Amino acid sequence: MSPGFLLSAYEQGLFPWYSPEERGPILWWSPDPRFVLVPEELHVGKRLRRYLNTAHFEITWDQRFEEVMTLCGTSREFTWIDEPMLEGYKKLHELGYAHSCEVSLDGILVGGLYGVRTGRIFSGESMFSRATNSSKAALIDLCSQARNLGLDLIDCQMETPYLRSMGAKPIPRREFLAILNHGLEIPSNTWF
């Protein structure tokens, strides 16, 4: 979980995760197909848009990285986010490669996401929601900032109904790796 090892893995299209069957050693994954979201293809339904216009969420970036990552790990029954993983990603964050989006309501953190930038790709690692649509607010903000950040793709890694409903889609691993390799000339430790 050293920063150099993690960055090398992401640059090769790999991400860490435990075996879905049981908690064991960290495994390195590169699924085929890869589930991705093109920021311009984000789908925000009318009802969700109306809700978010009245929700009064405050959205910040990179202000509460450790807290977001910890809440991602405690928001589900089974988590792969253990202490070594937390420490590794905190170091990536300090170096400018890992980022968090925080969604707050009246100063209380109610949702968010974190991930790693590799060139023109943001690899979303995990998200959490403690208020209606708060993780969707984080994803929408990431997509709205993508052009300014020079991002072409959000790597969702694995398919979920939630991400499919937001416009994510599968692409062949070969295509994903080509996009990844094409964008590696962009500095990965730049952000806002």
N, C-alpha and C. Protein backbone atom coordinates (compact mmCIF):
# COMPACT_ATOMS: atom_id res chain seq x y z
N MET A 1 0.81 -1.21 0.00
CA MET A 1 0.00 0.00 0.00
C MET A 1 0.85 1.27 0.00
N SER A 2 2.10 1.15 -0.43
CA SER A 2 2.95 2.35 -0.52
C SER A 2 2.47 3.21 -1.68
N PRO A 3 2.67 4.53 -1.62
CA PRO A 3 2.24 5.40 -2.71
C PRO A 3 2.78 4.98 -4.07
N GLY A 4 4.07 4.63 -4.15
CA GLY A 4 4.65 4.24 -5.42
C GLY A 4 4.01 2.99 -5.99
N PHE A 5 3.76 2.01 -5.14
CA PHE A 5 3.13 0.77 -5.58
C PHE A 5 1.70 1.03 -6.05
N LEU A 6 0.95 1.82 -5.28
CA LEU A 6 -0.44 2.14 -5.66
C LEU A 6 -0.48 2.88 -6.99
N LEU A 7 0.37 3.88 -7.16
CA LEU A 7 0.37 4.64 -8.42
C LEU A 7 0.74 3.75 -9.59
N SER A 8 1.72 2.89 -9.41
CA SER A 8 2.10 1.98 -10.48
C SER A 8 0.93 1.07 -10.87
N ALA A 9 0.20 0.59 -9.88
CA ALA A 9 -0.96 -0.26 -10.15
C ALA A 9 -2.02 0.49 -10.95
N TYR A 10 -2.35 1.72 -10.51
CA TYR A 10 -3.37 2.50 -11.23
C TYR A 10 -2.93 2.81 -12.66
N GLU A 11 -1.64 3.08 -12.84
CA GLU A 11 -1.13 3.37 -14.19
C GLU A 11 -1.19 2.16 -15.11
N GLN A 12 -1.34 0.96 -14.53
CA GLN A 12 -1.50 -0.25 -15.32
C GLN A 12 -2.96 -0.71 -15.40
N GLY A 13 -3.86 0.11 -14.86
CA GLY A 13 -5.27 -0.23 -14.92
C GLY A 13 -5.72 -1.18 -13.83
N LEU A 14 -4.97 -1.30 -12.76
CA LEU A 14 -5.29 -2.19 -11.65
C LEU A 14 -5.82 -1.40 -10.47
N PHE A 15 -6.69 -2.02 -9.68
CA PHE A 15 -7.13 -1.41 -8.43
C PHE A 15 -7.22 -2.50 -7.37
N PRO A 16 -7.04 -2.13 -6.09
CA PRO A 16 -7.05 -3.12 -5.01
C PRO A 16 -8.47 -3.36 -4.49
N TRP A 17 -8.71 -4.61 -4.14
CA TRP A 17 -9.99 -4.99 -3.55
C TRP A 17 -9.83 -6.38 -2.99
N TYR A 18 -10.58 -6.69 -1.95
CA TYR A 18 -10.56 -8.04 -1.41
C TYR A 18 -11.40 -8.97 -2.27
N SER A 19 -11.20 -10.25 -2.08
CA SER A 19 -12.03 -11.24 -2.74
C SER A 19 -13.47 -11.05 -2.30
N PRO A 20 -14.43 -11.07 -3.23
CA PRO A 20 -15.83 -10.87 -2.84
C PRO A 20 -16.37 -11.99 -1.96
N GLU A 21 -15.76 -13.18 -2.01
CA GLU A 21 -16.27 -14.31 -1.24
C GLU A 21 -15.93 -14.22 0.24
N GLU A 22 -14.74 -13.77 0.54
CA GLU A 22 -14.32 -13.71 1.93
C GLU A 22 -13.21 -12.68 2.07
N ARG A 23 -13.07 -12.18 3.27
CA ARG A 23 -12.01 -11.21 3.51
C ARG A 23 -10.69 -11.95 3.58
N GLY A 24 -9.82 -11.62 2.71
CA GLY A 24 -8.52 -12.26 2.67
C GLY A 24 -7.50 -11.23 2.28
N PRO A 25 -6.44 -11.65 1.63
CA PRO A 25 -5.45 -10.66 1.20
C PRO A 25 -6.02 -9.77 0.11
N ILE A 26 -5.45 -8.60 -0.01
CA ILE A 26 -5.87 -7.69 -1.08
C ILE A 26 -5.51 -8.31 -2.42
N LEU A 27 -6.46 -8.27 -3.33
CA LEU A 27 -6.24 -8.74 -4.69
C LEU A 27 -6.22 -7.53 -5.62
N TRP A 28 -5.59 -7.67 -6.77
CA TRP A 28 -5.49 -6.59 -7.74
C TRP A 28 -6.37 -6.93 -8.94
N TRP A 29 -7.25 -6.02 -9.30
CA TRP A 29 -8.29 -6.29 -10.28
C TRP A 29 -8.14 -5.42 -11.51
N SER A 30 -8.48 -5.99 -12.65
CA SER A 30 -8.59 -5.28 -13.91
C SER A 30 -9.70 -5.97 -14.70
N PRO A 31 -10.96 -5.71 -14.33
CA PRO A 31 -12.07 -6.46 -14.92
C PRO A 31 -12.26 -6.16 -16.41
N ASP A 32 -12.84 -7.13 -17.09
CA ASP A 32 -13.20 -6.97 -18.49
C ASP A 32 -14.64 -7.48 -18.63
N PRO A 33 -15.58 -6.58 -18.90
CA PRO A 33 -15.39 -5.17 -19.24
C PRO A 33 -15.17 -4.32 -18.00
N ARG A 34 -14.75 -3.08 -18.25
CA ARG A 34 -14.56 -2.09 -17.19
C ARG A 34 -15.77 -1.18 -17.21
N PHE A 35 -16.29 -0.81 -16.03
CA PHE A 35 -17.47 0.03 -15.94
C PHE A 35 -17.01 1.48 -15.75
N VAL A 36 -17.41 2.37 -16.67
CA VAL A 36 -16.91 3.74 -16.68
C VAL A 36 -18.05 4.73 -16.90
N LEU A 37 -17.77 5.97 -16.55
CA LEU A 37 -18.71 7.06 -16.78
C LEU A 37 -17.98 8.17 -17.54
N VAL A 38 -18.49 8.49 -18.71
CA VAL A 38 -17.99 9.65 -19.45
C VAL A 38 -18.71 10.85 -18.85
N PRO A 39 -17.99 11.82 -18.28
CA PRO A 39 -18.65 12.92 -17.57
C PRO A 39 -19.77 13.60 -18.35
N GLU A 40 -19.57 13.79 -19.66
CA GLU A 40 -20.60 14.46 -20.47
C GLU A 40 -21.85 13.59 -20.65
N GLU A 41 -21.76 12.31 -20.34
CA GLU A 41 -22.89 11.40 -20.49
C GLU A 41 -23.62 11.13 -19.19
N LEU A 42 -23.27 11.89 -18.15
CA LEU A 42 -23.95 11.74 -16.86
C LEU A 42 -25.44 11.94 -17.02
N HIS A 43 -26.23 11.07 -16.43
CA HIS A 43 -27.69 11.20 -16.49
C HIS A 43 -28.21 11.68 -15.13
N VAL A 44 -28.85 12.83 -15.13
CA VAL A 44 -29.47 13.36 -13.93
C VAL A 44 -30.95 13.56 -14.24
N GLY A 45 -31.79 12.75 -13.64
CA GLY A 45 -33.22 12.83 -13.89
C GLY A 45 -33.82 14.12 -13.34
N LYS A 46 -35.00 14.46 -13.85
CA LYS A 46 -35.66 15.70 -13.43
C LYS A 46 -35.96 15.71 -11.94
N ARG A 47 -36.42 14.58 -11.42
CA ARG A 47 -36.77 14.52 -9.99
C ARG A 47 -35.52 14.72 -9.14
N LEU A 48 -34.40 14.07 -9.52
CA LEU A 48 -33.15 14.23 -8.79
C LEU A 48 -32.65 15.67 -8.89
N ARG A 49 -32.72 16.25 -10.06
CA ARG A 49 -32.29 17.64 -10.24
C ARG A 49 -33.10 18.59 -9.34
N ARG A 50 -34.42 18.38 -9.30
CA ARG A 50 -35.27 19.22 -8.43
C ARG A 50 -34.89 19.04 -6.97
N TYR A 51 -34.67 17.79 -6.58
CA TYR A 51 -34.29 17.53 -5.18
C TYR A 51 -32.99 18.25 -4.83
N LEU A 52 -31.98 18.11 -5.67
CA LEU A 52 -30.68 18.70 -5.37
C LEU A 52 -30.73 20.23 -5.38
N ASN A 53 -31.64 20.80 -6.16
CA ASN A 53 -31.78 22.26 -6.16
C ASN A 53 -32.33 22.80 -4.85
N THR A 54 -32.97 21.94 -4.06
CA THR A 54 -33.54 22.39 -2.78
C THR A 54 -32.86 21.77 -1.56
N ALA A 55 -31.85 20.93 -1.78
CA ALA A 55 -31.25 20.16 -0.68
C ALA A 55 -30.30 20.97 0.22
N HIS A 56 -29.76 22.06 -0.24
CA HIS A 56 -28.85 22.91 0.53
C HIS A 56 -27.57 22.19 0.92
N PHE A 57 -27.10 21.28 0.06
CA PHE A 57 -25.82 20.62 0.32
C PHE A 57 -24.68 21.60 0.09
N GLU A 58 -23.66 21.50 0.91
CA GLU A 58 -22.41 22.23 0.68
C GLU A 58 -21.40 21.20 0.17
N ILE A 59 -20.78 21.49 -0.95
CA ILE A 59 -19.83 20.54 -1.54
C ILE A 59 -18.44 21.15 -1.52
N THR A 60 -17.50 20.38 -0.97
CA THR A 60 -16.10 20.80 -0.91
C THR A 60 -15.24 19.66 -1.45
N TRP A 61 -13.99 20.00 -1.75
CA TRP A 61 -13.04 19.01 -2.24
C TRP A 61 -11.79 19.02 -1.37
N ASP A 62 -11.32 17.82 -1.03
CA ASP A 62 -10.04 17.61 -0.35
C ASP A 62 -9.92 18.30 1.01
N GLN A 63 -11.03 18.53 1.66
CA GLN A 63 -11.01 19.15 2.98
C GLN A 63 -11.06 18.11 4.10
N ARG A 64 -11.69 16.95 3.84
CA ARG A 64 -11.90 15.95 4.89
C ARG A 64 -11.66 14.54 4.33
N PHE A 65 -10.51 14.37 3.67
CA PHE A 65 -10.22 13.13 2.97
C PHE A 65 -10.30 11.91 3.89
N GLU A 66 -9.59 11.94 5.00
CA GLU A 66 -9.56 10.78 5.90
C GLU A 66 -10.95 10.45 6.42
N GLU A 67 -11.72 11.47 6.75
CA GLU A 67 -13.07 11.24 7.26
C GLU A 67 -13.97 10.61 6.19
N VAL A 68 -13.86 11.08 4.95
CA VAL A 68 -14.64 10.49 3.86
C VAL A 68 -14.26 9.03 3.69
N MET A 69 -12.97 8.75 3.63
CA MET A 69 -12.53 7.37 3.43
C MET A 69 -12.98 6.48 4.58
N THR A 70 -12.89 6.96 5.79
CA THR A 70 -13.33 6.18 6.95
C THR A 70 -14.82 5.91 6.89
N LEU A 71 -15.61 6.92 6.53
CA LEU A 71 -17.06 6.72 6.44
C LEU A 71 -17.43 5.79 5.29
N CYS A 72 -16.66 5.82 4.20
CA CYS A 72 -16.89 4.84 3.12
C CYS A 72 -16.69 3.43 3.66
N GLY A 73 -15.72 3.26 4.56
CA GLY A 73 -15.43 1.95 5.11
C GLY A 73 -16.41 1.48 6.16
N THR A 74 -17.05 2.41 6.85
CA THR A 74 -17.97 2.01 7.92
C THR A 74 -19.43 2.07 7.49
N SER A 75 -19.68 2.45 6.24
CA SER A 75 -21.07 2.60 5.80
C SER A 75 -21.67 1.31 5.26
N ARG A 76 -20.90 0.25 5.27
CA ARG A 76 -21.41 -1.04 4.78
C ARG A 76 -20.96 -2.15 5.71
N GLU A 77 -21.65 -3.26 5.62
CA GLU A 77 -21.35 -4.38 6.51
C GLU A 77 -19.96 -4.94 6.28
N PHE A 78 -19.57 -5.11 5.01
CA PHE A 78 -18.26 -5.64 4.68
C PHE A 78 -17.46 -4.55 3.98
N THR A 79 -16.24 -4.36 4.42
CA THR A 79 -15.42 -3.34 3.78
C THR A 79 -14.01 -3.86 3.56
N TRP A 80 -13.39 -3.40 2.52
CA TRP A 80 -12.01 -3.71 2.24
C TRP A 80 -11.11 -2.57 2.71
N ILE A 81 -11.70 -1.52 3.27
CA ILE A 81 -10.92 -0.35 3.70
C ILE A 81 -10.44 -0.60 5.13
N ASP A 82 -9.24 -1.14 5.26
CA ASP A 82 -8.67 -1.40 6.56
C ASP A 82 -7.58 -0.36 6.86
N GLU A 83 -6.90 -0.50 7.96
CA GLU A 83 -5.92 0.50 8.38
C GLU A 83 -4.76 0.65 7.38
N PRO A 84 -4.17 -0.45 6.87
CA PRO A 84 -3.09 -0.26 5.88
C PRO A 84 -3.57 0.45 4.62
N MET A 85 -4.80 0.14 4.17
CA MET A 85 -5.32 0.80 2.98
C MET A 85 -5.56 2.29 3.27
N LEU A 86 -6.13 2.59 4.42
CA LEU A 86 -6.37 3.98 4.81
C LEU A 86 -5.06 4.76 4.83
N GLU A 87 -4.03 4.19 5.42
CA GLU A 87 -2.73 4.87 5.51
C GLU A 87 -2.12 5.08 4.12
N GLY A 88 -2.22 4.08 3.26
CA GLY A 88 -1.67 4.21 1.91
C GLY A 88 -2.34 5.32 1.11
N TYR A 89 -3.66 5.38 1.18
CA TYR A 89 -4.39 6.41 0.43
C TYR A 89 -4.24 7.79 1.05
N LYS A 90 -4.07 7.86 2.37
CA LYS A 90 -3.78 9.16 2.99
C LYS A 90 -2.47 9.72 2.46
N LYS A 91 -1.48 8.85 2.28
CA LYS A 91 -0.20 9.31 1.73
C LYS A 91 -0.36 9.76 0.28
N LEU A 92 -1.17 9.01 -0.49
CA LEU A 92 -1.45 9.44 -1.88
C LEU A 92 -2.13 10.80 -1.89
N HIS A 93 -3.04 11.02 -0.93
CA HIS A 93 -3.73 12.31 -0.83
C HIS A 93 -2.73 13.43 -0.51
N GLU A 94 -1.84 13.18 0.43
CA GLU A 94 -0.84 14.19 0.80
C GLU A 94 0.05 14.54 -0.38
N LEU A 95 0.27 13.58 -1.28
CA LEU A 95 1.11 13.81 -2.46
C LEU A 95 0.32 14.41 -3.63
N GLY A 96 -1.00 14.56 -3.47
CA GLY A 96 -1.81 15.20 -4.49
C GLY A 96 -2.44 14.28 -5.52
N TYR A 97 -2.41 12.96 -5.28
CA TYR A 97 -2.96 12.00 -6.25
C TYR A 97 -4.36 11.51 -5.87
N ALA A 98 -4.65 11.38 -4.59
CA ALA A 98 -5.96 10.91 -4.13
C ALA A 98 -6.78 12.11 -3.67
N HIS A 99 -8.08 12.07 -3.97
CA HIS A 99 -8.94 13.21 -3.71
C HIS A 99 -10.28 12.77 -3.13
N SER A 100 -10.89 13.68 -2.41
CA SER A 100 -12.21 13.40 -1.84
C SER A 100 -13.16 14.54 -2.14
N CYS A 101 -14.41 14.17 -2.34
CA CYS A 101 -15.49 15.15 -2.45
C CYS A 101 -16.34 14.98 -1.21
N GLU A 102 -16.57 16.08 -0.51
CA GLU A 102 -17.34 16.04 0.73
C GLU A 102 -18.68 16.75 0.52
N VAL A 103 -19.74 16.11 0.96
CA VAL A 103 -21.08 16.70 0.89
C VAL A 103 -21.56 16.88 2.32
N SER A 104 -21.80 18.13 2.69
CA SER A 104 -22.21 18.43 4.06
C SER A 104 -23.57 19.09 4.08
N LEU A 105 -24.23 18.93 5.18
CA LEU A 105 -25.52 19.57 5.43
C LEU A 105 -25.46 20.15 6.83
N ASP A 106 -25.55 21.47 6.93
CA ASP A 106 -25.42 22.16 8.22
C ASP A 106 -24.11 21.79 8.92
N GLY A 107 -23.04 21.67 8.15
CA GLY A 107 -21.72 21.39 8.71
C GLY A 107 -21.45 19.93 9.01
N ILE A 108 -22.43 19.06 8.82
CA ILE A 108 -22.26 17.63 9.11
C ILE A 108 -22.02 16.90 7.80
N LEU A 109 -20.98 16.09 7.77
CA LEU A 109 -20.65 15.31 6.58
C LEU A 109 -21.70 14.22 6.38
N VAL A 110 -22.42 14.30 5.25
CA VAL A 110 -23.53 13.36 5.01
C VAL A 110 -23.32 12.51 3.76
N GLY A 111 -22.26 12.76 3.00
CA GLY A 111 -22.00 11.98 1.81
C GLY A 111 -20.67 12.35 1.22
N GLY A 112 -20.23 11.52 0.28
CA GLY A 112 -18.98 11.84 -0.37
C GLY A 112 -18.42 10.67 -1.14
N LEU A 113 -17.28 10.92 -1.75
CA LEU A 113 -16.56 9.90 -2.50
C LEU A 113 -15.08 10.21 -2.44
N TYR A 114 -14.27 9.18 -2.74
CA TYR A 114 -12.83 9.42 -2.88
C TYR A 114 -12.30 8.55 -4.01
N GLY A 115 -11.17 8.94 -4.54
CA GLY A 115 -10.56 8.19 -5.61
C GLY A 115 -9.18 8.72 -5.95
N VAL A 116 -8.63 8.20 -7.03
CA VAL A 116 -7.26 8.50 -7.44
C VAL A 116 -7.27 9.01 -8.87
N ARG A 117 -6.53 10.07 -9.11
CA ARG A 117 -6.37 10.59 -10.47
C ARG A 117 -5.14 9.96 -11.11
N THR A 118 -5.34 9.44 -12.31
CA THR A 118 -4.25 8.91 -13.11
C THR A 118 -4.37 9.55 -14.49
N GLY A 119 -3.60 10.59 -14.75
CA GLY A 119 -3.69 11.29 -16.03
C GLY A 119 -5.07 11.88 -16.23
N ARG A 120 -5.78 11.41 -17.26
CA ARG A 120 -7.10 11.93 -17.59
C ARG A 120 -8.24 11.10 -17.00
N ILE A 121 -7.91 10.17 -16.10
CA ILE A 121 -8.92 9.30 -15.51
C ILE A 121 -8.97 9.50 -14.01
N PHE A 122 -10.19 9.59 -13.48
CA PHE A 122 -10.40 9.59 -12.03
C PHE A 122 -10.98 8.23 -11.68
N SER A 123 -10.24 7.46 -10.90
CA SER A 123 -10.70 6.14 -10.47
C SER A 123 -11.45 6.28 -9.15
N GLY A 124 -12.76 6.18 -9.23
CA GLY A 124 -13.59 6.28 -8.03
C GLY A 124 -13.44 5.02 -7.20
N GLU A 125 -12.98 5.16 -5.99
CA GLU A 125 -12.76 4.00 -5.13
C GLU A 125 -13.99 3.63 -4.31
N SER A 126 -14.62 4.61 -3.71
CA SER A 126 -15.79 4.30 -2.88
C SER A 126 -16.56 5.58 -2.63
N MET A 127 -17.82 5.41 -2.26
CA MET A 127 -18.66 6.55 -1.88
C MET A 127 -19.58 6.13 -0.75
N PHE A 128 -20.13 7.11 -0.06
CA PHE A 128 -21.08 6.81 1.01
C PHE A 128 -22.18 7.87 1.01
N SER A 129 -23.28 7.52 1.62
CA SER A 129 -24.42 8.44 1.68
C SER A 129 -25.14 8.25 3.01
N ARG A 130 -25.26 9.33 3.76
CA ARG A 130 -26.02 9.32 5.01
C ARG A 130 -27.21 10.26 4.94
N ALA A 131 -27.45 10.81 3.77
CA ALA A 131 -28.62 11.65 3.52
C ALA A 131 -29.06 11.37 2.09
N THR A 132 -30.32 11.49 1.83
CA THR A 132 -30.87 11.19 0.51
C THR A 132 -30.09 11.90 -0.58
N ASN A 133 -29.63 11.12 -1.54
CA ASN A 133 -28.95 11.61 -2.75
C ASN A 133 -27.63 12.34 -2.51
N SER A 134 -27.06 12.21 -1.33
CA SER A 134 -25.82 12.96 -1.07
C SER A 134 -24.63 12.39 -1.85
N SER A 135 -24.54 11.08 -2.03
CA SER A 135 -23.44 10.55 -2.85
C SER A 135 -23.64 10.91 -4.32
N LYS A 136 -24.89 10.98 -4.76
CA LYS A 136 -25.17 11.41 -6.13
C LYS A 136 -24.73 12.86 -6.33
N ALA A 137 -24.92 13.69 -5.31
CA ALA A 137 -24.47 15.09 -5.40
C ALA A 137 -22.95 15.15 -5.59
N ALA A 138 -22.22 14.27 -4.91
CA ALA A 138 -20.76 14.23 -5.07
C ALA A 138 -20.37 13.81 -6.48
N LEU A 139 -21.01 12.78 -7.00
CA LEU A 139 -20.71 12.30 -8.34
C LEU A 139 -21.05 13.36 -9.40
N ILE A 140 -22.16 14.03 -9.23
CA ILE A 140 -22.57 15.08 -10.16
C ILE A 140 -21.56 16.23 -10.14
N ASP A 141 -21.08 16.59 -8.96
CA ASP A 141 -20.09 17.67 -8.88
C ASP A 141 -18.79 17.25 -9.54
N LEU A 142 -18.38 15.99 -9.34
CA LEU A 142 -17.17 15.50 -10.01
C LEU A 142 -17.31 15.61 -11.53
N CYS A 143 -18.46 15.19 -12.04
CA CYS A 143 -18.68 15.26 -13.50
C CYS A 143 -18.71 16.70 -13.98
N SER A 144 -19.28 17.60 -13.19
CA SER A 144 -19.36 19.00 -13.63
C SER A 144 -17.98 19.67 -13.61
N GLN A 145 -17.07 19.18 -12.78
CA GLN A 145 -15.72 19.75 -12.70
C GLN A 145 -14.75 19.07 -13.66
N ALA A 146 -15.17 17.96 -14.28
CA ALA A 146 -14.26 17.12 -15.06
C ALA A 146 -13.53 17.89 -16.15
N ARG A 147 -14.23 18.72 -16.90
CA ARG A 147 -13.58 19.45 -18.00
C ARG A 147 -12.49 20.38 -17.45
N ASN A 148 -12.78 21.11 -16.38
CA ASN A 148 -11.78 22.01 -15.78
C ASN A 148 -10.58 21.24 -15.26
N LEU A 149 -10.80 19.99 -14.84
CA LEU A 149 -9.73 19.17 -14.29
C LEU A 149 -8.98 18.38 -15.36
N GLY A 150 -9.47 18.43 -16.60
CA GLY A 150 -8.83 17.68 -17.67
C GLY A 150 -9.12 16.19 -17.61
N LEU A 151 -10.28 15.81 -17.08
CA LEU A 151 -10.64 14.40 -16.97
C LEU A 151 -11.54 13.99 -18.14
N ASP A 152 -11.22 12.86 -18.74
CA ASP A 152 -12.03 12.32 -19.83
C ASP A 152 -12.97 11.21 -19.36
N LEU A 153 -12.62 10.57 -18.24
CA LEU A 153 -13.32 9.37 -17.85
C LEU A 153 -13.30 9.21 -16.34
N ILE A 154 -14.39 8.70 -15.80
CA ILE A 154 -14.44 8.30 -14.40
C ILE A 154 -14.52 6.78 -14.40
N ASP A 155 -13.53 6.17 -13.80
CA ASP A 155 -13.47 4.71 -13.70
C ASP A 155 -14.32 4.28 -12.51
N CYS A 156 -15.46 3.67 -12.80
CA CYS A 156 -16.34 3.17 -11.74
C CYS A 156 -15.94 1.75 -11.33
N GLN A 157 -15.06 1.15 -12.09
CA GLN A 157 -14.47 -0.16 -11.84
C GLN A 157 -15.48 -1.29 -12.03
N MET A 158 -16.43 -1.42 -11.14
CA MET A 158 -17.38 -2.54 -11.18
C MET A 158 -18.80 -2.01 -11.41
N GLU A 159 -19.61 -2.79 -12.08
CA GLU A 159 -20.98 -2.38 -12.40
C GLU A 159 -21.89 -2.46 -11.18
N THR A 160 -22.68 -1.40 -11.00
CA THR A 160 -23.75 -1.41 -10.01
C THR A 160 -24.98 -0.78 -10.66
N PRO A 161 -26.19 -1.16 -10.22
CA PRO A 161 -27.39 -0.53 -10.76
C PRO A 161 -27.40 0.98 -10.55
N TYR A 162 -26.89 1.41 -9.41
CA TYR A 162 -26.84 2.84 -9.06
C TYR A 162 -26.02 3.61 -10.11
N LEU A 163 -24.81 3.11 -10.41
CA LEU A 163 -23.96 3.80 -11.38
C LEU A 163 -24.52 3.70 -12.79
N ARG A 164 -25.13 2.57 -13.14
CA ARG A 164 -25.76 2.44 -14.45
C ARG A 164 -26.88 3.49 -14.59
N SER A 165 -27.64 3.71 -13.52
CA SER A 165 -28.73 4.69 -13.59
C SER A 165 -28.21 6.12 -13.80
N MET A 166 -26.95 6.35 -13.44
CA MET A 166 -26.33 7.68 -13.61
C MET A 166 -25.64 7.82 -14.96
N GLY A 167 -25.66 6.77 -15.78
CA GLY A 167 -25.10 6.86 -17.12
C GLY A 167 -23.82 6.07 -17.34
N ALA A 168 -23.33 5.39 -16.32
CA ALA A 168 -22.12 4.59 -16.50
C ALA A 168 -22.41 3.39 -17.40
N LYS A 169 -21.35 2.91 -18.05
CA LYS A 169 -21.52 1.83 -19.02
C LYS A 169 -20.26 0.97 -19.06
N PRO A 170 -20.39 -0.26 -19.53
CA PRO A 170 -19.20 -1.11 -19.66
C PRO A 170 -18.46 -0.81 -20.96
N ILE A 171 -17.14 -0.87 -20.89
CA ILE A 171 -16.31 -0.81 -22.10
C ILE A 171 -15.29 -1.94 -22.00
N PRO A 172 -14.80 -2.43 -23.13
CA PRO A 172 -13.79 -3.49 -23.08
C PRO A 172 -12.53 -3.01 -22.35
N ARG A 173 -11.90 -3.92 -21.63
CA ARG A 173 -10.67 -3.57 -20.91
C ARG A 173 -9.63 -2.99 -21.86
N ARG A 174 -9.50 -3.52 -23.05
CA ARG A 174 -8.52 -3.04 -24.03
C ARG A 174 -8.77 -1.55 -24.31
N GLU A 175 -10.03 -1.16 -24.47
CA GLU A 175 -10.36 0.25 -24.73
C GLU A 175 -10.03 1.11 -23.51
N PHE A 176 -10.35 0.61 -22.32
CA PHE A 176 -10.04 1.35 -21.10
C PHE A 176 -8.54 1.59 -20.98
N LEU A 177 -7.75 0.54 -21.22
CA LEU A 177 -6.30 0.68 -21.09
C LEU A 177 -5.73 1.63 -22.14
N ALA A 178 -6.32 1.65 -23.32
CA ALA A 178 -5.87 2.59 -24.36
C ALA A 178 -6.14 4.03 -23.92
N ILE A 179 -7.31 4.29 -23.37
CA ILE A 179 -7.65 5.63 -22.87
C ILE A 179 -6.70 6.01 -21.73
N LEU A 180 -6.47 5.07 -20.82
CA LEU A 180 -5.57 5.31 -19.70
C LEU A 180 -4.17 5.66 -20.20
N ASN A 181 -3.62 4.85 -21.08
CA ASN A 181 -2.26 5.08 -21.58
C ASN A 181 -2.15 6.40 -22.35
N HIS A 182 -3.17 6.75 -23.10
CA HIS A 182 -3.17 8.00 -23.86
C HIS A 182 -3.10 9.23 -22.94
N GLY A 183 -3.72 9.13 -21.76
CA GLY A 183 -3.78 10.29 -20.87
C GLY A 183 -2.68 10.38 -19.85
N LEU A 184 -1.76 9.43 -19.82
CA LEU A 184 -0.74 9.43 -18.77
C LEU A 184 0.27 10.55 -18.90
N GLU A 185 0.30 11.25 -20.05
CA GLU A 185 1.24 12.37 -20.16
C GLU A 185 0.78 13.59 -19.36
N ILE A 186 -0.48 13.58 -18.91
CA ILE A 186 -1.01 14.66 -18.07
C ILE A 186 -0.56 14.43 -16.64
N PRO A 187 -0.02 15.45 -15.94
CA PRO A 187 0.36 15.25 -14.55
C PRO A 187 -0.82 14.76 -13.70
N SER A 188 -0.60 13.72 -12.93
CA SER A 188 -1.68 13.13 -12.15
C SER A 188 -1.86 13.78 -10.78
N ASN A 189 -0.90 14.56 -10.35
CA ASN A 189 -1.03 15.16 -9.02
C ASN A 189 -1.45 16.62 -9.07
N THR A 190 -2.22 16.96 -10.11
CA THR A 190 -2.80 18.31 -10.18
C THR A 190 -4.28 18.19 -9.94
N TRP A 191 -4.87 19.21 -9.35
CA TRP A 191 -6.30 19.20 -9.05
C TRP A 191 -6.75 20.64 -9.13
N PHE A 192 -7.62 21.08 -8.24
CA PHE A 192 -8.16 22.43 -8.29
C PHE A 192 -7.08 23.46 -8.05
